[in-house]
Protein backbone atom coordinates (compact mmCIF):
# COMPACT_ATOMS: atom_id res chain seq x y z
CA MET A 1 41.72 -89.26 -18.17
CA ASP A 2 41.72 -85.53 -19.00
CA ASN A 3 38.72 -83.94 -17.27
CA ASN A 4 38.36 -81.53 -20.20
CA LEU A 5 37.72 -84.33 -22.70
CA VAL A 6 34.41 -84.12 -24.53
CA ILE A 7 33.02 -87.66 -24.82
CA ILE A 8 31.40 -88.48 -28.16
CA ASP A 9 29.27 -91.59 -28.65
CA GLY A 10 30.10 -92.84 -32.12
CA SER A 11 26.91 -94.91 -32.23
CA MET A 12 24.58 -91.91 -32.13
CA GLY A 13 22.50 -91.05 -35.17
CA GLU A 14 23.70 -92.84 -38.27
CA GLY A 15 26.58 -94.34 -36.28
CA GLY A 16 29.17 -94.24 -39.06
CA GLY A 17 32.56 -92.75 -39.80
CA GLN A 18 31.28 -89.21 -40.32
CA ILE A 19 30.80 -88.79 -36.57
CA LEU A 20 34.49 -89.55 -36.04
CA ARG A 21 35.67 -87.32 -38.90
CA THR A 22 33.55 -84.38 -37.76
CA ALA A 23 34.51 -84.79 -34.11
CA ILE A 24 38.25 -84.81 -34.71
CA ALA A 25 37.96 -81.97 -37.26
CA LEU A 26 36.17 -79.76 -34.71
CA SER A 27 38.64 -80.80 -32.02
CA ALA A 28 41.59 -79.84 -34.21
CA VAL A 29 40.11 -76.42 -35.00
CA THR A 30 38.86 -75.47 -31.53
CA GLY A 31 41.62 -77.08 -29.47
CA ILE A 32 39.01 -79.01 -27.46
CA PRO A 33 40.23 -82.61 -26.85
CA VAL A 34 37.74 -85.38 -27.59
CA LYS A 35 37.25 -89.03 -26.81
CA VAL A 36 35.17 -90.94 -29.35
CA VAL A 37 33.75 -94.28 -28.21
CA ASN A 38 31.69 -96.92 -30.03
CA ILE A 39 33.36 -95.91 -33.29
CA ARG A 40 31.33 -96.93 -36.35
CA ALA A 41 29.19 -99.09 -34.06
CA LYS A 42 26.38 -99.41 -36.61
CA ARG A 43 28.61 -100.63 -39.43
CA LYS A 44 29.16 -104.26 -40.46
CA ASN A 45 32.87 -103.99 -39.57
CA PRO A 46 32.91 -101.55 -36.62
CA GLY A 47 35.97 -99.66 -35.45
CA LEU A 48 38.66 -97.73 -37.30
CA ARG A 49 39.41 -98.61 -40.91
CA PRO A 50 42.66 -97.52 -42.61
CA GLN A 51 41.14 -94.31 -44.00
CA HIS A 52 39.92 -93.24 -40.53
CA LEU A 53 43.29 -94.07 -39.03
CA THR A 54 45.09 -91.99 -41.66
CA ALA A 55 42.71 -89.05 -41.07
CA ILE A 56 43.45 -88.99 -37.34
CA LYS A 57 47.19 -89.39 -37.89
CA ALA A 58 47.04 -86.56 -40.44
CA LEU A 59 45.39 -84.24 -37.90
CA VAL A 60 47.89 -85.28 -35.23
CA GLU A 61 50.64 -84.24 -37.65
CA VAL A 62 49.18 -80.93 -38.81
CA THR A 63 48.30 -79.88 -35.24
CA SER A 64 51.42 -81.28 -33.52
CA GLY A 65 48.90 -83.11 -31.36
CA ARG A 66 48.70 -86.59 -29.87
CA ALA A 67 46.21 -89.44 -29.87
CA LYS A 68 45.51 -92.76 -28.16
CA GLY A 69 43.89 -95.92 -29.50
CA LEU A 70 45.16 -95.63 -33.07
CA TYR A 71 44.96 -99.07 -34.67
CA VAL A 72 42.71 -100.70 -37.25
CA GLY A 73 39.60 -102.03 -35.50
CA SER A 74 39.88 -99.70 -32.51
CA THR A 75 36.45 -98.64 -31.20
CA SER A 76 37.70 -95.87 -28.92
CA ILE A 77 40.21 -93.05 -29.48
CA GLU A 78 41.36 -89.93 -27.68
CA PHE A 79 42.59 -86.89 -29.60
CA TYR A 80 44.52 -83.97 -28.10
CA PRO A 81 45.18 -81.25 -30.71
CA GLY A 82 47.95 -78.67 -30.70
CA THR A 83 48.68 -75.72 -32.99
CA ILE A 84 47.61 -76.00 -36.64
CA ARG A 85 50.67 -75.73 -38.87
CA GLY A 86 51.06 -75.29 -42.60
CA GLY A 87 53.83 -76.82 -44.68
CA ASN A 88 54.29 -79.86 -46.92
CA TYR A 89 52.64 -83.17 -46.04
CA PHE A 90 52.31 -86.69 -47.40
CA PHE A 91 49.40 -88.90 -46.32
CA ASP A 92 49.12 -92.50 -47.54
CA ILE A 93 45.90 -94.34 -46.74
CA GLY A 94 47.60 -97.51 -47.97
CA THR A 95 44.42 -98.99 -49.46
CA ALA A 96 41.58 -97.85 -51.71
CA GLY A 97 40.17 -95.95 -48.71
CA SER A 98 38.57 -92.69 -49.72
CA ILE A 99 40.78 -89.62 -50.17
CA SER A 100 37.59 -87.51 -50.21
CA LEU A 101 36.67 -88.66 -46.71
CA LEU A 102 40.16 -87.86 -45.48
CA LEU A 103 39.73 -84.38 -46.97
CA GLN A 104 36.47 -84.03 -45.03
CA ALA A 105 38.44 -84.52 -41.82
CA ILE A 106 41.44 -82.27 -42.49
CA LEU A 107 40.03 -79.35 -44.52
CA PRO A 108 38.27 -77.57 -41.61
CA ALA A 109 41.52 -77.48 -39.63
CA LEU A 110 43.67 -76.40 -42.57
CA ALA A 111 41.50 -73.31 -43.06
CA PHE A 112 43.17 -72.05 -39.85
CA ALA A 113 46.75 -73.09 -40.63
CA GLN A 114 49.41 -70.51 -39.87
CA GLU A 115 51.19 -71.01 -43.23
CA PRO A 116 50.32 -72.23 -46.75
CA VAL A 117 49.67 -75.95 -47.10
CA GLU A 118 50.61 -78.47 -49.77
CA ALA A 119 49.75 -82.13 -49.28
CA THR A 120 50.07 -85.24 -51.44
CA ILE A 121 47.50 -87.92 -50.61
CA ARG A 122 47.46 -91.53 -51.83
CA GLY A 123 44.40 -93.79 -51.70
CA GLY A 124 41.05 -94.13 -53.44
CA THR A 125 39.66 -91.28 -55.52
CA ASP A 126 36.49 -93.00 -56.71
CA VAL A 127 35.08 -95.44 -54.15
CA LYS A 128 31.61 -96.41 -52.94
CA MET A 129 29.96 -94.73 -49.96
CA ALA A 130 32.01 -91.55 -50.40
CA PRO A 131 31.99 -88.43 -52.59
CA THR A 132 34.15 -88.87 -55.68
CA ILE A 133 37.21 -86.68 -56.06
CA ASP A 134 35.49 -84.97 -59.01
CA TYR A 135 32.62 -83.97 -56.72
CA MET A 136 35.11 -82.60 -54.20
CA ARG A 137 37.03 -80.52 -56.72
CA MET A 138 34.17 -79.41 -58.98
CA VAL A 139 31.38 -78.91 -56.40
CA PHE A 140 32.65 -78.82 -52.84
CA ALA A 141 35.75 -76.68 -53.41
CA PRO A 142 33.69 -73.93 -55.16
CA LEU A 143 31.23 -74.00 -52.23
CA LEU A 144 34.13 -73.54 -49.78
CA SER A 145 35.24 -70.47 -51.73
CA LEU A 146 31.99 -68.77 -50.66
CA PHE A 147 33.39 -68.82 -47.10
CA GLY A 148 36.58 -67.13 -48.34
CA TYR A 149 38.37 -70.49 -48.21
CA ASN A 150 40.12 -71.24 -51.51
CA VAL A 151 41.21 -74.85 -51.91
CA ASP A 152 42.94 -76.34 -54.96
CA ILE A 153 42.40 -80.08 -55.38
CA GLU A 154 44.46 -81.54 -58.23
CA LEU A 155 43.77 -85.06 -59.48
CA VAL A 156 47.07 -86.68 -60.45
CA ARG A 157 45.96 -90.30 -60.81
CA ARG A 158 42.67 -92.08 -60.16
CA GLY A 159 42.32 -94.94 -57.72
CA HIS A 160 39.33 -97.29 -57.70
CA TYR A 161 38.36 -100.10 -55.36
CA PRO A 162 39.95 -102.55 -54.65
CA ARG A 163 43.44 -101.59 -55.85
CA GLY A 164 43.49 -97.88 -55.03
CA GLY A 165 46.71 -96.17 -56.07
CA GLY A 166 45.09 -92.78 -56.57
CA ILE A 167 47.10 -89.60 -56.05
CA VAL A 168 45.70 -86.17 -55.21
CA LYS A 169 47.55 -82.93 -54.51
CA LEU A 170 45.95 -80.44 -52.12
CA ARG A 171 47.08 -76.81 -52.09
CA ILE A 172 45.91 -74.04 -49.77
CA ARG A 173 47.99 -71.01 -50.66
CA ASN A 174 46.33 -68.53 -48.30
CA PRO A 175 44.56 -70.17 -45.34
CA PRO A 176 41.89 -67.59 -44.39
CA LYS A 177 42.14 -68.13 -40.58
CA THR A 178 38.56 -66.87 -40.37
CA LEU A 179 35.47 -67.92 -42.34
CA LYS A 180 32.79 -65.65 -43.75
CA PRO A 181 29.13 -66.58 -43.19
CA VAL A 182 27.18 -67.57 -46.29
CA ASP A 183 23.60 -67.10 -47.45
CA LEU A 184 22.48 -70.02 -49.58
CA THR A 185 18.75 -69.66 -49.07
CA THR A 186 18.30 -69.00 -52.80
CA ARG A 187 20.42 -70.31 -55.64
CA GLY A 188 19.55 -67.93 -58.46
CA THR A 189 19.23 -68.83 -62.14
CA LEU A 190 20.55 -72.11 -63.53
CA LYS A 191 23.41 -71.18 -65.86
CA SER A 192 24.61 -74.60 -67.04
CA ILE A 193 24.93 -78.29 -66.24
CA GLU A 194 28.35 -79.84 -66.75
CA GLY A 195 30.03 -83.13 -66.02
CA LEU A 196 32.93 -85.50 -66.43
CA SER A 197 32.58 -89.16 -67.39
CA HIS A 198 35.70 -91.31 -66.99
CA CYS A 199 36.96 -94.84 -67.34
CA VAL A 200 40.39 -96.37 -66.67
CA LYS A 201 41.68 -99.74 -67.84
CA LEU A 202 38.38 -100.06 -69.71
CA PRO A 203 37.24 -99.41 -73.32
CA GLN A 204 36.47 -95.82 -74.32
CA HIS A 205 32.82 -96.64 -74.97
CA VAL A 206 32.22 -97.06 -71.21
CA ALA A 207 32.80 -93.35 -70.59
CA GLU A 208 30.82 -92.47 -73.71
CA ARG A 209 27.80 -94.57 -72.70
CA GLN A 210 27.76 -93.13 -69.17
CA ALA A 211 27.76 -89.61 -70.58
CA ARG A 212 25.15 -90.36 -73.26
CA SER A 213 22.75 -91.82 -70.69
CA ALA A 214 23.19 -88.89 -68.30
CA ARG A 215 22.63 -86.38 -71.11
CA ALA A 216 19.46 -88.10 -72.26
CA TYR A 217 18.02 -88.27 -68.74
CA ILE A 218 18.73 -84.63 -67.91
CA LYS A 219 17.38 -83.42 -71.25
CA SER A 220 14.18 -85.47 -70.83
CA ARG A 221 13.55 -84.12 -67.30
CA LEU A 222 14.83 -80.54 -67.50
CA GLY A 223 15.00 -79.76 -71.22
CA ILE A 224 18.67 -78.84 -70.83
CA GLU A 225 21.58 -80.26 -72.80
CA PRO A 226 24.46 -80.77 -70.35
CA VAL A 227 28.11 -80.47 -71.41
CA ILE A 228 29.85 -83.66 -70.27
CA LYS A 229 33.54 -84.15 -70.95
CA LEU A 230 35.08 -87.59 -71.44
CA GLU A 231 38.20 -89.01 -69.80
CA PHE A 232 39.67 -92.26 -71.12
CA TYR A 233 43.09 -93.67 -71.95
CA GLU A 234 44.69 -95.55 -74.83
CA LYS A 235 45.76 -99.10 -74.16
CA GLY A 236 49.38 -99.08 -73.03
CA LYS A 237 49.20 -95.42 -71.98
CA ASP A 238 46.91 -95.84 -69.00
CA PRO A 239 48.82 -95.12 -65.74
CA HIS A 240 46.06 -96.37 -63.43
CA LEU A 241 45.83 -99.64 -61.51
CA GLY A 242 42.09 -99.88 -62.29
CA PRO A 243 39.80 -100.96 -63.71
CA GLY A 244 37.08 -98.49 -62.86
CA SER A 245 34.65 -95.89 -64.14
CA GLY A 246 32.35 -93.15 -62.95
CA ILE A 247 30.62 -89.89 -63.71
CA ALA A 248 30.22 -86.62 -61.83
CA LEU A 249 27.67 -83.95 -62.73
CA TRP A 250 27.21 -80.42 -61.46
CA ALA A 251 24.65 -77.66 -61.97
CA ILE A 252 26.00 -74.10 -61.81
CA PHE A 253 23.63 -71.43 -60.50
CA ASP A 254 24.15 -67.69 -59.98
CA ARG A 255 24.63 -68.15 -56.22
CA SER A 256 25.39 -71.82 -55.70
CA ILE A 257 26.42 -75.13 -57.24
CA MET A 258 24.85 -78.58 -56.85
CA GLY A 259 26.33 -81.93 -57.77
CA ALA A 260 25.92 -85.70 -57.90
CA ASP A 261 27.98 -88.70 -58.94
CA ALA A 262 27.86 -92.45 -59.55
CA LEU A 263 30.41 -95.23 -59.99
CA GLY A 264 30.61 -98.21 -62.27
CA GLU A 265 31.00 -101.72 -60.93
CA LYS A 266 31.17 -105.22 -62.31
CA GLY A 267 27.84 -106.21 -63.86
CA LYS A 268 26.42 -102.67 -63.75
CA PRO A 269 25.71 -101.29 -67.24
CA ALA A 270 27.35 -97.97 -68.08
CA GLU A 271 23.92 -96.59 -69.00
CA LYS A 272 22.71 -97.24 -65.45
CA VAL A 273 25.73 -95.41 -64.01
CA GLY A 274 24.96 -92.29 -66.05
CA GLU A 275 21.26 -92.35 -65.24
CA GLU A 276 21.94 -92.86 -61.53
CA ALA A 277 24.05 -89.70 -61.26
CA ALA A 278 21.65 -87.71 -63.44
CA SER A 279 18.58 -88.76 -61.47
CA LYS A 280 20.15 -87.71 -58.16
CA LEU A 281 21.11 -84.33 -59.56
CA VAL A 282 17.73 -83.72 -61.21
CA ASP A 283 15.83 -84.78 -58.08
CA ASP A 284 17.85 -82.34 -55.97
CA ILE A 285 17.43 -79.51 -58.48
CA LEU A 286 13.68 -80.01 -58.59
CA THR A 287 13.39 -79.51 -54.81
CA GLY A 288 14.25 -75.84 -55.35
CA ALA A 289 16.99 -76.10 -52.71
CA SER A 290 20.36 -74.37 -53.03
CA VAL A 291 22.55 -77.19 -51.71
CA ASP A 292 22.52 -80.84 -52.82
CA ARG A 293 21.96 -83.77 -50.46
CA PHE A 294 25.71 -84.42 -50.09
CA ALA A 295 26.92 -80.91 -49.31
CA SER A 296 23.96 -80.53 -46.94
CA ASP A 297 25.84 -82.49 -44.28
CA MET A 298 29.37 -81.28 -45.18
CA LEU A 299 28.86 -77.49 -45.02
CA PRO A 300 27.46 -77.11 -41.46
CA VAL A 301 30.93 -77.53 -39.91
CA TYR A 302 32.19 -74.47 -41.79
CA MET A 303 29.03 -72.52 -40.97
CA ALA A 304 29.48 -73.34 -37.28
CA LEU A 305 33.03 -71.92 -37.37
CA ALA A 306 32.16 -68.81 -39.41
CA SER A 307 31.88 -65.26 -38.10
CA GLY A 308 28.15 -64.61 -38.28
CA THR A 309 24.97 -66.49 -39.15
CA SER A 310 24.80 -68.68 -42.25
CA TYR A 311 21.63 -69.78 -43.99
CA TYR A 312 20.98 -72.55 -46.48
CA SER A 313 18.28 -74.68 -48.02
CA GLY A 314 19.21 -78.35 -48.44
CA ALA A 315 17.76 -80.84 -50.88
CA ARG A 316 17.42 -83.62 -48.32
CA LEU A 317 17.61 -83.76 -44.53
CA THR A 318 19.64 -86.96 -44.32
CA SER A 319 20.49 -88.86 -41.14
CA HIS A 320 24.07 -87.70 -41.75
CA ALA A 321 22.98 -84.05 -41.62
CA GLU A 322 20.94 -84.51 -38.44
CA THR A 323 23.86 -86.31 -36.79
CA VAL A 324 26.25 -83.47 -37.72
CA PHE A 325 23.85 -80.91 -36.21
CA ARG A 326 23.76 -82.87 -32.94
CA LEU A 327 27.52 -83.25 -32.90
CA LEU A 328 28.15 -79.55 -33.49
CA GLU A 329 25.91 -78.65 -30.56
CA LEU A 330 27.52 -81.27 -28.34
CA ILE A 331 31.10 -80.06 -28.95
CA LEU A 332 30.56 -76.32 -29.43
CA GLY A 333 27.66 -75.90 -27.01
CA ASP A 334 26.49 -72.31 -26.49
CA SER A 335 29.08 -71.02 -29.01
CA ILE A 336 26.64 -71.75 -31.84
CA ARG A 337 22.92 -71.91 -32.53
CA ILE A 338 21.31 -74.24 -35.05
CA GLU A 339 17.72 -74.02 -36.21
CA TYR A 340 16.23 -76.12 -38.97
CA SER A 341 12.87 -77.14 -40.33
CA GLY A 342 11.95 -80.06 -42.56
CA GLY A 343 11.26 -83.77 -42.23
CA PRO A 344 13.67 -86.70 -42.69
CA ASN A 345 14.84 -87.14 -46.30
CA ARG A 346 12.88 -84.07 -47.32
CA PRO A 347 14.01 -80.58 -48.37
CA PHE A 348 14.86 -78.39 -45.37
CA LYS A 349 16.04 -74.96 -44.32
CA ALA A 350 18.68 -74.25 -41.70
CA SER A 351 20.36 -71.31 -40.01
CA ILE A 352 23.60 -71.67 -38.08
CA ARG A 353 25.05 -68.92 -35.92
CA GLY A 354 28.79 -69.50 -36.07
CA MET A 355 31.23 -69.22 -33.19
CA GLY A 356 33.39 -66.72 -35.10
CA LEU A 357 36.66 -68.61 -34.69
CA THR A 358 39.73 -66.62 -35.70
CA ARG A 359 43.34 -67.73 -35.58
């Protein structure tokens, strides 16, 4: 075994796939090899699933690295990264596994690619227990731009559980190779609330009812009329495998953007889908925080790599966020400093002194 390996216990904290994704992302960026054990130990079906396997293989490819223990069900892997390369890539999860979660793993590394990047990714775009692709392109990508990292996420075709078949194109025309620190302690004035309600292989009224319910909820709680676009397809002209539906909502502020989403499922009324997304967004807005509960655990990786100290206020200190903080300190050690205040599942404030990585 390589004596320089950093050993990561995948059962710590929330004990899910995010520990693995964050660990290999940091390894790819810093060049520090990692061994992750007890992978997804707290999940019903522990070990690597296809989406995790694809994420590691993708990072092996983009870094010209190598890995051990890559098979579905594996509870221990070793990852040895090389140099991060740009170019054209194709990643196929092979199931309805989440494309968004794969993006979580590869985007930190691709910020430091030596050349432009274009990747085509096949899998699930709208699946449970993961951000939807609309959240990633309408909320997360704009947040990344604050670091000087401009990412274009194009939705070509949606893929829902269980059939998948979604296609996304990722383009990074000018990898920044260094990240600016951000100050998201205040969000500024709320400018608008927007959204997108979609359905595939389902009647048009499903998308309409999701949007109508979300509009009504937001207007009743905030007194604001959101602008929610509809996406649906005529019978015979629907290219998706489907069926499936969902809605993503985002609130645009002067200095930040917050979002939420929800997915339809068999037996779940469309009205409930719309209200679910709207209630999450409204609850996060009413905390006064600048970053929603989902981005609160996705942004710290970029802050830890940035040149300078970043600040943000998060809507909810989730177990995911606390686990990411612990993981960053474990891998990066004295290179960073993290301070945060706030109780579990409550609004919080954090400052992260980045390591100032430059490639």
